[in-house]
Amino acid sequence: MTILKIITEPAILIITVFFLFFIMTVLKNYAYVEKNLNSVYNFLKSLNKKELSYRFNELDNFMKNNPFTSTSWEDFKKALIFPEKLYIATKNPTNTGDFKPEIYLTIDASYFFNEDTLVFSKINHKFIQTMPTLLTGLGPFFTFLKMAVAFTEVNFSMDANVGESLNGLIANIQIAALCSVFAVGFSLLFMFIEKIMYNRMCKKYYLAIQKEFIRLFDVVTSEKFLIDLVKESKIQNITNEKLLKALPENFAKAMEKSISETTLPYLENILYSLNKLNESFNKGSGGDVVDKLF
């Protein structure tokens, strides 16, 4: 039995065609994932942690418009804490060495951006998982089919054809056995190739995206968040207490200043005018104008 005859055997050809079809299907799906994840990774890589608060709208628009990240991004935003929701006290805010990012993350980015959300949900992953099983199943199917056909071709009616029939039966049984060998071999080879393609075209990029999110957003735990809220509450209480203590004093000073600067000069002007008016009446009538009025 020559190699050419084995390769050209219809059953083995069918198994080979299925193997090549599965490989091309996986390659097409993973190439699609790679293209989209690579664009997300390159965009995140272009962002700077210190500029994130200014470019957040740009990041938001990009992630919402990307079909690979739109759903996960909406859930991810709910886990963010923006500047107005968190107060971080620093001894020297002007010191750039003590820089603290303005946007915090309460849950690790891998919870939102992982292989399930970025890879498996974007392709027919369940079908890809069944491909090795289908290849393996083709082996026994064609093995038993070939053996059934071989037994039907055996002719024991004539002694002259018995030897030839047995030789044909043995050859067909060999082909039937090779069908299972090729099927299992292609199945193992498929799993090996698929794993390599997945690591290089998918896993590499979704892990890189996770690292970029870790670089851009600092994760703040719930305990730290509560501590920061307590700090903010205490600072606000101290500030309010100082304001309340200073309020009566400031009010008294403001009233005194208002009276001294506005009311007193006004009253002095009124008294001065009344005195002048009284003097003019005294000169004209010889009496006090107030006595004449009453």
C-alpha atoms as a PDB file:
ATOM      1  CA  MET A   1       0.000   0.000   0.000  1.00  0.00           C
ATOM      2  CA  THR A   2       1.617   3.222  -1.184  1.00  0.00           C
ATOM      3  CA  ILE A   3       1.460   6.614   0.532  1.00  0.00           C
ATOM      4  CA  LEU A   4      -0.245   8.097  -2.522  1.00  0.00           C
ATOM      5  CA  LYS A   5      -3.027   5.536  -2.307  1.00  0.00           C
ATOM      6  CA  ILE A   6      -3.485   6.266   1.387  1.00  0.00           C
ATOM      7  CA  ILE A   7      -3.658  10.031   0.841  1.00  0.00           C
ATOM      8  CA  THR A   8      -6.063   9.725  -2.073  1.00  0.00           C
ATOM      9  CA  GLU A   9      -8.405   7.454  -0.131  1.00  0.00           C
ATOM     10  CA  PRO A  10     -11.818   9.281  -0.032  1.00  0.00           C
ATOM     11  CA  ALA A  11     -12.340   8.785   3.710  1.00  0.00           C
ATOM     12  CA  ILE A  12      -8.887  10.144   4.564  1.00  0.00           C
ATOM     13  CA  LEU A  13      -9.367  13.015   2.108  1.00  0.00           C
ATOM     14  CA  ILE A  14     -12.623  13.963   3.834  1.00  0.00           C
ATOM     15  CA  ILE A  15     -10.929  13.943   7.248  1.00  0.00           C
ATOM     16  CA  THR A  16      -8.095  16.094   5.853  1.00  0.00           C
ATOM     17  CA  VAL A  17     -10.554  18.576   4.340  1.00  0.00           C
ATOM     18  CA  PHE A  18     -12.368  18.882   7.684  1.00  0.00           C
ATOM     19  CA  PHE A  19      -9.038  19.479   9.431  1.00  0.00           C
ATOM     20  CA  LEU A  20      -8.039  22.247   7.010  1.00  0.00           C
ATOM     21  CA  PHE A  21     -11.502  23.815   7.197  1.00  0.00           C
ATOM     22  CA  PHE A  22     -11.368  23.911  10.996  1.00  0.00           C
ATOM     23  CA  ILE A  23      -7.877  25.441  10.956  1.00  0.00           C
ATOM     24  CA  MET A  24      -8.946  28.174   8.514  1.00  0.00           C
ATOM     25  CA  THR A  25     -12.080  28.890  10.568  1.00  0.00           C
ATOM     26  CA  VAL A  26     -10.063  29.304  13.759  1.00  0.00           C
ATOM     27  CA  LEU A  27      -7.480  31.456  11.989  1.00  0.00           C
ATOM     28  CA  LYS A  28     -10.190  33.734  10.587  1.00  0.00           C
ATOM     29  CA  ASN A  29     -11.864  34.162  13.983  1.00  0.00           C
ATOM     30  CA  TYR A  30      -8.639  34.793  15.863  1.00  0.00           C
ATOM     31  CA  ALA A  31      -7.414  37.244  13.220  1.00  0.00           C
ATOM     32  CA  TYR A  32     -10.643  39.211  13.685  1.00  0.00           C
ATOM     33  CA  VAL A  33     -10.110  39.275  17.443  1.00  0.00           C
ATOM     34  CA  GLU A  34      -6.462  40.244  17.071  1.00  0.00           C
ATOM     35  CA  LYS A  35      -7.269  43.182  14.805  1.00  0.00           C
ATOM     36  CA  ASN A  36      -9.798  44.699  17.207  1.00  0.00           C
ATOM     37  CA  LEU A  37      -7.873  44.038  20.411  1.00  0.00           C
ATOM     38  CA  ASN A  38      -4.725  45.462  18.869  1.00  0.00           C
ATOM     39  CA  SER A  39      -6.531  48.727  18.094  1.00  0.00           C
ATOM     40  CA  VAL A  40      -7.776  48.939  21.695  1.00  0.00           C
ATOM     41  CA  TYR A  41      -4.307  48.213  23.053  1.00  0.00           C
ATOM     42  CA  ASN A  42      -2.631  50.828  20.846  1.00  0.00           C
ATOM     43  CA  PHE A  43      -5.146  53.477  21.918  1.00  0.00           C
ATOM     44  CA  LEU A  44      -4.716  52.721  25.622  1.00  0.00           C
ATOM     45  CA  LYS A  45      -0.959  52.724  25.178  1.00  0.00           C
ATOM     46  CA  SER A  46      -1.133  56.271  23.788  1.00  0.00           C
ATOM     47  CA  LEU A  47      -2.772  57.567  26.985  1.00  0.00           C
ATOM     48  CA  ASN A  48      -0.811  59.060  29.845  1.00  0.00           C
ATOM     49  CA  LYS A  49      -1.853  58.535  33.443  1.00  0.00           C
ATOM     50  CA  LYS A  50      -1.466  62.221  34.328  1.00  0.00           C
ATOM     51  CA  GLU A  51      -3.515  63.309  31.307  1.00  0.00           C
ATOM     52  CA  LEU A  52      -6.282  60.780  31.844  1.00  0.00           C
ATOM     53  CA  SER A  53      -8.696  63.189  33.534  1.00  0.00           C
ATOM     54  CA  TYR A  54      -8.415  65.568  30.559  1.00  0.00           C
ATOM     55  CA  ARG A  55      -8.711  62.838  27.914  1.00  0.00           C
ATOM     56  CA  PHE A  56     -11.357  60.743  29.637  1.00  0.00           C
ATOM     57  CA  ASN A  57     -14.088  61.845  27.225  1.00  0.00           C
ATOM     58  CA  GLU A  58     -11.899  60.742  24.339  1.00  0.00           C
ATOM     59  CA  LEU A  59     -11.357  57.383  26.030  1.00  0.00           C
ATOM     60  CA  ASP A  60     -15.075  57.087  26.761  1.00  0.00           C
ATOM     61  CA  ASN A  61     -16.062  57.700  23.135  1.00  0.00           C
ATOM     62  CA  PHE A  62     -13.494  55.254  21.788  1.00  0.00           C
ATOM     63  CA  MET A  63     -14.478  52.432  24.141  1.00  0.00           C
ATOM     64  CA  LYS A  64     -18.219  52.954  23.597  1.00  0.00           C
ATOM     65  CA  ASN A  65     -17.863  52.907  19.814  1.00  0.00           C
ATOM     66  CA  ASN A  66     -15.684  49.790  19.758  1.00  0.00           C
ATOM     67  CA  PRO A  67     -17.857  46.646  19.454  1.00  0.00           C
ATOM     68  CA  PHE A  68     -15.344  44.620  21.470  1.00  0.00           C
ATOM     69  CA  THR A  69     -15.374  46.885  24.531  1.00  0.00           C
ATOM     70  CA  SER A  70     -18.697  48.757  24.491  1.00  0.00           C
ATOM     71  CA  THR A  71     -20.562  46.431  26.867  1.00  0.00           C
ATOM     72  CA  SER A  72     -17.677  45.870  29.271  1.00  0.00           C
ATOM     73  CA  TRP A  73     -16.853  49.578  29.294  1.00  0.00           C
ATOM     74  CA  GLU A  74     -20.302  50.572  30.543  1.00  0.00           C
ATOM     75  CA  ASP A  75     -19.932  48.194  33.485  1.00  0.00           C
ATOM     76  CA  PHE A  76     -16.356  49.333  34.015  1.00  0.00           C
ATOM     77  CA  LYS A  77     -17.373  52.996  34.325  1.00  0.00           C
ATOM     78  CA  LYS A  78     -19.703  52.137  37.196  1.00  0.00           C
ATOM     79  CA  ALA A  79     -16.663  50.996  39.180  1.00  0.00           C
ATOM     80  CA  LEU A  80     -14.804  54.293  38.701  1.00  0.00           C
ATOM     81  CA  ILE A  81     -14.515  57.012  41.322  1.00  0.00           C
ATOM     82  CA  PHE A  82     -14.133  60.487  39.885  1.00  0.00           C
ATOM     83  CA  PRO A  83     -12.488  63.482  41.651  1.00  0.00           C
ATOM     84  CA  GLU A  84     -15.698  64.857  43.150  1.00  0.00           C
ATOM     85  CA  LYS A  85     -16.434  61.511  44.809  1.00  0.00           C
ATOM     86  CA  LEU A  86     -13.116  61.000  46.546  1.00  0.00           C
ATOM     87  CA  TYR A  87     -10.866  63.292  48.546  1.00  0.00           C
ATOM     88  CA  ILE A  88      -7.192  62.475  48.905  1.00  0.00           C
ATOM     89  CA  ALA A  89      -5.349  64.629  51.442  1.00  0.00           C
ATOM     90  CA  THR A  90      -1.756  65.488  50.609  1.00  0.00           C
ATOM     91  CA  LYS A  91       0.663  67.496  52.680  1.00  0.00           C
ATOM     92  CA  ASN A  92       2.063  69.302  49.683  1.00  0.00           C
ATOM     93  CA  PRO A  93      -0.360  69.312  46.702  1.00  0.00           C
ATOM     94  CA  THR A  94       2.051  71.359  44.599  1.00  0.00           C
ATOM     95  CA  ASN A  95       4.719  68.682  44.762  1.00  0.00           C
ATOM     96  CA  THR A  96       4.580  66.752  41.501  1.00  0.00           C
ATOM     97  CA  GLY A  97       6.510  63.914  43.078  1.00  0.00           C
ATOM     98  CA  ASP A  98       3.463  63.164  45.228  1.00  0.00           C
ATOM     99  CA  PHE A  99       1.161  63.022  42.224  1.00  0.00           C
ATOM    100  CA  LYS A 100      -2.014  61.036  42.742  1.00  0.00           C
ATOM    101  CA  PRO A 101      -4.299  60.031  39.859  1.00  0.00           C
ATOM    102  CA  GLU A 102      -7.658  61.741  39.765  1.00  0.00           C
ATOM    103  CA  ILE A 103      -9.739  58.733  38.694  1.00  0.00           C
ATOM    104  CA  TYR A 104      -9.782  55.581  40.793  1.00  0.00           C
ATOM    105  CA  LEU A 105     -11.005  52.052  40.188  1.00  0.00           C
ATOM    106  CA  THR A 106     -12.787  50.068  42.891  1.00  0.00           C
ATOM    107  CA  ILE A 107     -12.642  46.666  41.133  1.00  0.00           C
ATOM    108  CA  ASP A 108      -9.738  45.132  39.262  1.00  0.00           C
ATOM    109  CA  ALA A 109      -9.899  45.673  35.487  1.00  0.00           C
ATOM    110  CA  SER A 110      -9.548  41.944  34.793  1.00  0.00           C
ATOM    111  CA  TYR A 111     -13.066  41.480  36.151  1.00  0.00           C
ATOM    112  CA  PHE A 112     -14.439  43.456  33.188  1.00  0.00           C
ATOM    113  CA  PHE A 113     -11.834  42.872  30.481  1.00  0.00           C
ATOM    114  CA  ASN A 114     -10.905  39.203  30.255  1.00  0.00           C
ATOM    115  CA  GLU A 115     -10.942  36.349  27.767  1.00  0.00           C
ATOM    116  CA  ASP A 116     -14.671  35.801  28.240  1.00  0.00           C
ATOM    117  CA  THR A 117     -15.660  39.398  27.461  1.00  0.00           C
ATOM    118  CA  LEU A 118     -12.964  40.224  24.899  1.00  0.00           C
ATOM    119  CA  VAL A 119     -12.499  36.924  23.064  1.00  0.00           C
ATOM    120  CA  PHE A 120     -14.997  34.131  23.699  1.00  0.00           C
ATOM    121  CA  SER A 121     -18.090  36.342  23.489  1.00  0.00           C
ATOM    122  CA  LYS A 122     -16.977  37.760  20.114  1.00  0.00           C
ATOM    123  CA  ILE A 123     -16.504  34.465  18.283  1.00  0.00           C
ATOM    124  CA  ASN A 124     -18.220  31.067  18.103  1.00  0.00           C
ATOM    125  CA  HIS A 125     -16.027  29.662  20.847  1.00  0.00           C
ATOM    126  CA  LYS A 126     -18.237  26.663  21.616  1.00  0.00           C
ATOM    127  CA  PHE A 127     -17.976  25.491  18.014  1.00  0.00           C
ATOM    128  CA  ILE A 128     -14.191  25.838  18.137  1.00  0.00           C
ATOM    129  CA  GLN A 129     -14.122  23.747  21.300  1.00  0.00           C
ATOM    130  CA  THR A 130     -16.056  20.942  19.589  1.00  0.00           C
ATOM    131  CA  MET A 131     -13.747  20.801  16.534  1.00  0.00           C
ATOM    132  CA  PRO A 132     -11.235  18.308  18.030  1.00  0.00           C
ATOM    133  CA  THR A 133     -14.129  16.089  19.113  1.00  0.00           C
ATOM    134  CA  LEU A 134     -15.616  16.199  15.628  1.00  0.00           C
ATOM    135  CA  LEU A 135     -12.275  15.265  14.063  1.00  0.00           C
ATOM    136  CA  THR A 136     -11.845  12.393  16.490  1.00  0.00           C
ATOM    137  CA  GLY A 137     -15.399  11.212  15.814  1.00  0.00           C
ATOM    138  CA  LEU A 138     -14.750  11.064  12.065  1.00  0.00           C
ATOM    139  CA  GLY A 139     -12.140   8.362  12.684  1.00  0.00           C
ATOM    140  CA  PRO A 140     -14.427   5.633  14.115  1.00  0.00           C
ATOM    141  CA  PHE A 141     -17.192   6.654  11.719  1.00  0.00           C
ATOM    142  CA  PHE A 142     -15.118   6.052   8.579  1.00  0.00           C
ATOM    143  CA  THR A 143     -13.366   3.067  10.175  1.00  0.00           C
ATOM    144  CA  PHE A 144     -16.570   1.135  10.695  1.00  0.00           C
ATOM    145  CA  LEU A 145     -17.998   2.379   7.408  1.00  0.00           C
ATOM    146  CA  LYS A 146     -14.929   1.188   5.519  1.00  0.00           C
ATOM    147  CA  MET A 147     -14.998  -2.178   7.281  1.00  0.00           C
ATOM    148  CA  ALA A 148     -18.684  -2.644   6.492  1.00  0.00           C
ATOM    149  CA  VAL A 149     -18.049  -1.918   2.828  1.00  0.00           C
ATOM    150  CA  ALA A 150     -15.030  -4.235   2.818  1.00  0.00           C
ATOM    151  CA  PHE A 151     -16.996  -7.185   4.165  1.00  0.00           C
ATOM    152  CA  THR A 152     -19.670  -6.714   1.526  1.00  0.00           C
ATOM    153  CA  GLU A 153     -17.024  -6.990  -1.197  1.00  0.00           C
ATOM    154  CA  VAL A 154     -15.728 -10.380  -0.021  1.00  0.00           C
ATOM    155  CA  ASN A 155     -16.676 -13.186  -2.420  1.00  0.00           C
ATOM    156  CA  PHE A 156     -16.448 -16.773  -1.070  1.00  0.00           C
ATOM    157  CA  SER A 157     -18.547 -18.337  -3.818  1.00  0.00           C
ATOM    158  CA  MET A 158     -15.581 -19.218  -5.999  1.00  0.00           C
ATOM    159  CA  ASP A 159     -12.316 -20.666  -4.708  1.00  0.00           C
ATOM    160  CA  ALA A 160     -10.327 -18.714  -7.253  1.00  0.00           C
ATOM    161  CA  ASN A 161     -11.552 -15.408  -5.865  1.00  0.00           C
ATOM    162  CA  VAL A 162     -11.145 -16.232  -2.175  1.00  0.00           C
ATOM    163  CA  GLY A 163      -7.492 -15.234  -2.014  1.00  0.00           C
ATOM    164  CA  GLU A 164      -8.095 -12.022  -3.914  1.00  0.00           C
ATOM    165  CA  SER A 165     -11.111 -11.217  -1.736  1.00  0.00           C
ATOM    166  CA  LEU A 166      -9.103 -11.747   1.444  1.00  0.00           C
ATOM    167  CA  ASN A 167      -6.321  -9.512   0.168  1.00  0.00           C
ATOM    168  CA  GLY A 168      -8.886  -6.818  -0.606  1.00  0.00           C
ATOM    169  CA  LEU A 169     -10.465  -7.247   2.826  1.00  0.00           C
ATOM    170  CA  ILE A 170      -7.111  -6.872   4.577  1.00  0.00           C
ATOM    171  CA  ALA A 171      -6.286  -3.777   2.510  1.00  0.00           C
ATOM    172  CA  ASN A 172      -9.641  -2.207   3.331  1.00  0.00           C
ATOM    173  CA  ILE A 173      -9.226  -2.999   7.022  1.00  0.00           C
ATOM    174  CA  GLN A 174      -5.831  -1.284   6.929  1.00  0.00           C
ATOM    175  CA  ILE A 175      -7.427   1.790   5.357  1.00  0.00           C
ATOM    176  CA  ALA A 176     -10.189   1.672   7.956  1.00  0.00           C
ATOM    177  CA  ALA A 177      -7.626   1.608  10.759  1.00  0.00           C
ATOM    178  CA  LEU A 178      -5.704   4.469   9.153  1.00  0.00           C
ATOM    179  CA  CYS A 179      -8.900   6.567   9.155  1.00  0.00           C
ATOM    180  CA  SER A 180      -8.926   6.483  12.949  1.00  0.00           C
ATOM    181  CA  VAL A 181      -5.181   7.144  13.078  1.00  0.00           C
ATOM    182  CA  PHE A 182      -5.472  10.184  10.811  1.00  0.00           C
ATOM    183  CA  ALA A 183      -8.530  11.480  12.667  1.00  0.00           C
ATOM    184  CA  VAL A 184      -6.896  11.275  16.091  1.00  0.00           C
ATOM    185  CA  GLY A 185      -3.626  12.662  14.712  1.00  0.00           C
ATOM    186  CA  PHE A 186      -5.359  15.619  13.074  1.00  0.00           C
ATOM    187  CA  SER A 187      -7.319  16.222  16.283  1.00  0.00           C
ATOM    188  CA  LEU A 188      -4.125  16.410  18.355  1.00  0.00           C
ATOM    189  CA  LEU A 189      -2.442  18.577  15.736  1.00  0.00           C
ATOM    190  CA  PHE A 190      -5.456  20.884  15.641  1.00  0.00           C
ATOM    191  CA  MET A 191      -5.420  21.368  19.426  1.00  0.00           C
ATOM    192  CA  PHE A 192      -1.702  22.160  19.305  1.00  0.00           C
ATOM    193  CA  ILE A 193      -2.037  24.693  16.470  1.00  0.00           C
ATOM    194  CA  GLU A 194      -5.179  26.245  17.959  1.00  0.00           C
ATOM    195  CA  LYS A 195      -3.469  26.783  21.310  1.00  0.00           C
ATOM    196  CA  ILE A 196      -0.489  28.485  19.666  1.00  0.00           C
ATOM    197  CA  MET A 197      -2.730  30.763  17.595  1.00  0.00           C
ATOM    198  CA  TYR A 198      -4.843  31.633  20.638  1.00  0.00           C
ATOM    199  CA  ASN A 199      -1.821  32.586  22.745  1.00  0.00           C
ATOM    200  CA  ARG A 200      -0.244  34.707  20.009  1.00  0.00           C
ATOM    201  CA  MET A 201      -3.350  36.325  18.552  1.00  0.00           C
ATOM    202  CA  CYS A 202      -5.778  36.626  21.487  1.00  0.00           C
ATOM    203  CA  LYS A 203      -4.326  35.992  24.926  1.00  0.00           C
ATOM    204  CA  LYS A 204      -1.358  38.237  24.262  1.00  0.00           C
ATOM    205  CA  TYR A 205      -3.588  41.240  23.586  1.00  0.00           C
ATOM    206  CA  TYR A 206      -6.249  40.874  26.261  1.00  0.00           C
ATOM    207  CA  LEU A 207      -3.510  40.503  28.889  1.00  0.00           C
ATOM    208  CA  ALA A 208      -1.806  43.600  27.480  1.00  0.00           C
ATOM    209  CA  ILE A 209      -5.109  45.508  27.703  1.00  0.00           C
ATOM    210  CA  GLN A 210      -5.473  44.479  31.347  1.00  0.00           C
ATOM    211  CA  LYS A 211      -1.958  45.767  32.072  1.00  0.00           C
ATOM    212  CA  GLU A 212      -2.759  49.084  30.400  1.00  0.00           C
ATOM    213  CA  PHE A 213      -5.839  49.552  32.575  1.00  0.00           C
ATOM    214  CA  ILE A 214      -3.749  48.748  35.645  1.00  0.00           C
ATOM    215  CA  ARG A 215      -1.250  51.374  34.501  1.00  0.00           C
ATOM    216  CA  LEU A 216      -3.910  54.038  33.939  1.00  0.00           C
ATOM    217  CA  PHE A 217      -6.174  53.446  36.952  1.00  0.00           C
ATOM    218  CA  ASP A 218      -5.111  52.886  40.537  1.00  0.00           C
ATOM    219  CA  VAL A 219      -7.332  50.427  42.351  1.00  0.00           C
ATOM    220  CA  VAL A 220      -8.742  51.718  45.629  1.00  0.00           C
ATOM    221  CA  THR A 221     -10.170  49.120  47.996  1.00  0.00           C
ATOM    222  CA  SER A 222     -13.407  49.605  49.886  1.00  0.00           C
ATOM    223  CA  GLU A 223     -11.465  49.895  53.152  1.00  0.00           C
ATOM    224  CA  LYS A 224      -9.258  52.640  51.753  1.00  0.00           C
ATOM    225  CA  PHE A 225     -12.263  54.369  50.280  1.00  0.00           C
ATOM    226  CA  LEU A 226     -14.002  54.418  53.674  1.00  0.00           C
ATOM    227  CA  ILE A 227     -10.838  55.741  55.330  1.00  0.00           C
ATOM    228  CA  ASP A 228     -10.661  58.543  52.766  1.00  0.00           C
ATOM    229  CA  LEU A 229     -14.308  59.374  53.377  1.00  0.00           C
ATOM    230  CA  VAL A 230     -13.634  59.549  57.124  1.00  0.00           C
ATOM    231  CA  LYS A 231     -10.690  61.855  56.445  1.00  0.00           C
ATOM    232  CA  GLU A 232     -12.840  64.075  54.282  1.00  0.00           C
ATOM    233  CA  SER A 233     -15.610  64.105  56.890  1.00  0.00           C
ATOM    234  CA  LYS A 234     -13.201  65.116  59.642  1.00  0.00           C
ATOM    235  CA  ILE A 235     -11.675  67.850  57.518  1.00  0.00           C
ATOM    236  CA  GLN A 236     -15.122  69.180  56.658  1.00  0.00           C
ATOM    237  CA  ASN A 237     -16.162  69.074  60.322  1.00  0.00           C
ATOM    238  CA  ILE A 238     -13.084  71.022  61.395  1.00  0.00           C
ATOM    239  CA  THR A 239     -13.649  73.589  58.656  1.00  0.00           C
ATOM    240  CA  ASN A 240     -17.323  73.981  59.538  1.00  0.00           C
ATOM    241  CA  GLU A 241     -16.504  74.298  63.237  1.00  0.00           C
ATOM    242  CA  LYS A 242     -14.021  77.070  62.542  1.00  0.00           C
ATOM    243  CA  LEU A 243     -16.566  78.857  60.369  1.00  0.00           C
ATOM    244  CA  LEU A 244     -19.268  78.603  63.035  1.00  0.00           C
ATOM    245  CA  LYS A 245     -16.932  79.898  65.726  1.00  0.00           C
ATOM    246  CA  ALA A 246     -15.811  82.809  63.600  1.00  0.00           C
ATOM    247  CA  LEU A 247     -19.313  83.672  62.377  1.00  0.00           C
ATOM    248  CA  PRO A 248     -20.495  85.749  65.425  1.00  0.00           C
ATOM    249  CA  GLU A 249     -17.229  87.643  65.593  1.00  0.00           C
ATOM    250  CA  ASN A 250     -17.235  88.327  61.871  1.00  0.00           C
ATOM    251  CA  PHE A 251     -20.893  89.363  62.021  1.00  0.00           C
ATOM    252  CA  ALA A 252     -20.204  91.793  64.896  1.00  0.00           C
ATOM    253  CA  LYS A 253     -17.231  93.255  63.044  1.00  0.00           C
ATOM    254  CA  ALA A 254     -19.302  93.638  59.906  1.00  0.00           C
ATOM    255  CA  MET A 255     -22.127  95.355  61.805  1.00  0.00           C
ATOM    256  CA  GLU A 256     -19.722  97.676  63.604  1.00  0.00           C
ATOM    257  CA  LYS A 257     -18.014  98.521  60.364  1.00  0.00           C
ATOM    258  CA  SER A 258     -21.339  99.118  58.645  1.00  0.00           C
ATOM    259  CA  ILE A 259     -22.568 101.378  61.453  1.00  0.00           C
ATOM    260  CA  SER A 260     -19.313 103.304  61.690  1.00  0.00           C
ATOM    261  CA  GLU A 261     -18.882 103.740  57.952  1.00  0.00           C
ATOM    262  CA  THR A 262     -22.485 104.194  56.829  1.00  0.00           C
ATOM    263  CA  THR A 263     -25.036 104.808  59.560  1.00  0.00           C
ATOM    264  CA  LEU A 264     -23.097 107.239  61.793  1.00  0.00           C
ATOM    265  CA  PRO A 265     -22.031 109.590  58.980  1.00  0.00           C
ATOM    266  CA  TYR A 266     -25.618 109.577  57.728  1.00  0.00           C
ATOM    267  CA  LEU A 267     -27.003 110.467  61.185  1.00  0.00           C
ATOM    268  CA  GLU A 268     -24.354 113.153  61.621  1.00  0.00           C
ATOM    269  CA  ASN A 269     -25.405 114.698  58.331  1.00  0.00           C
ATOM    270  CA  ILE A 270     -29.059 114.671  59.432  1.00  0.00           C
ATOM    271  CA  LEU A 271     -28.198 116.346  62.767  1.00  0.00           C
ATOM    272  CA  TYR A 272     -26.035 118.895  61.015  1.00  0.00           C
ATOM    273  CA  SER A 273     -28.860 119.694  58.595  1.00  0.00           C
ATOM    274  CA  LEU A 274     -31.363 120.046  61.450  1.00  0.00           C
ATOM    275  CA  ASN A 275     -29.036 122.391  63.300  1.00  0.00           C
ATOM    276  CA  LYS A 276     -28.622 124.526  60.220  1.00  0.00           C
ATOM    277  CA  LEU A 277     -32.363 124.551  59.665  1.00  0.00           C
ATOM    278  CA  ASN A 278     -32.926 125.491  63.316  1.00  0.00           C
ATOM    279  CA  GLU A 279     -30.429 128.340  63.088  1.00  0.00           C
ATOM    280  CA  SER A 280     -32.106 129.705  59.976  1.00  0.00           C
ATOM    281  CA  PHE A 281     -35.521 129.690  61.658  1.00  0.00           C
ATOM    282  CA  ASN A 282     -34.100 131.348  64.780  1.00  0.00           C
ATOM    283  CA  LYS A 283     -32.667 134.148  62.714  1.00  0.00           C
ATOM    284  CA  GLY A 284     -35.949 134.683  60.902  1.00  0.00           C
ATOM    285  CA  SER A 285     -38.458 134.421  63.783  1.00  0.00           C
ATOM    286  CA  GLY A 286     -36.389 134.782  66.906  1.00  0.00           C
ATOM    287  CA  GLY A 287     -37.568 131.451  68.400  1.00  0.00           C
ATOM    288  CA  ASP A 288     -36.834 127.837  68.377  1.00  0.00           C
ATOM    289  CA  VAL A 289     -38.327 126.132  65.344  1.00  0.00           C
ATOM    290  CA  VAL A 290     -38.973 122.993  67.347  1.00  0.00           C
ATOM    291  CA  ASP A 291     -41.041 124.923  69.948  1.00  0.00           C
ATOM    292  CA  LYS A 292     -43.114 126.478  67.192  1.00  0.00           C
ATOM    293  CA  LEU A 293     -43.796 123.157  65.610  1.00  0.00           C
ATOM    294  CA  PHE A 294     -45.247 121.775  68.846  1.00  0.00           C
END
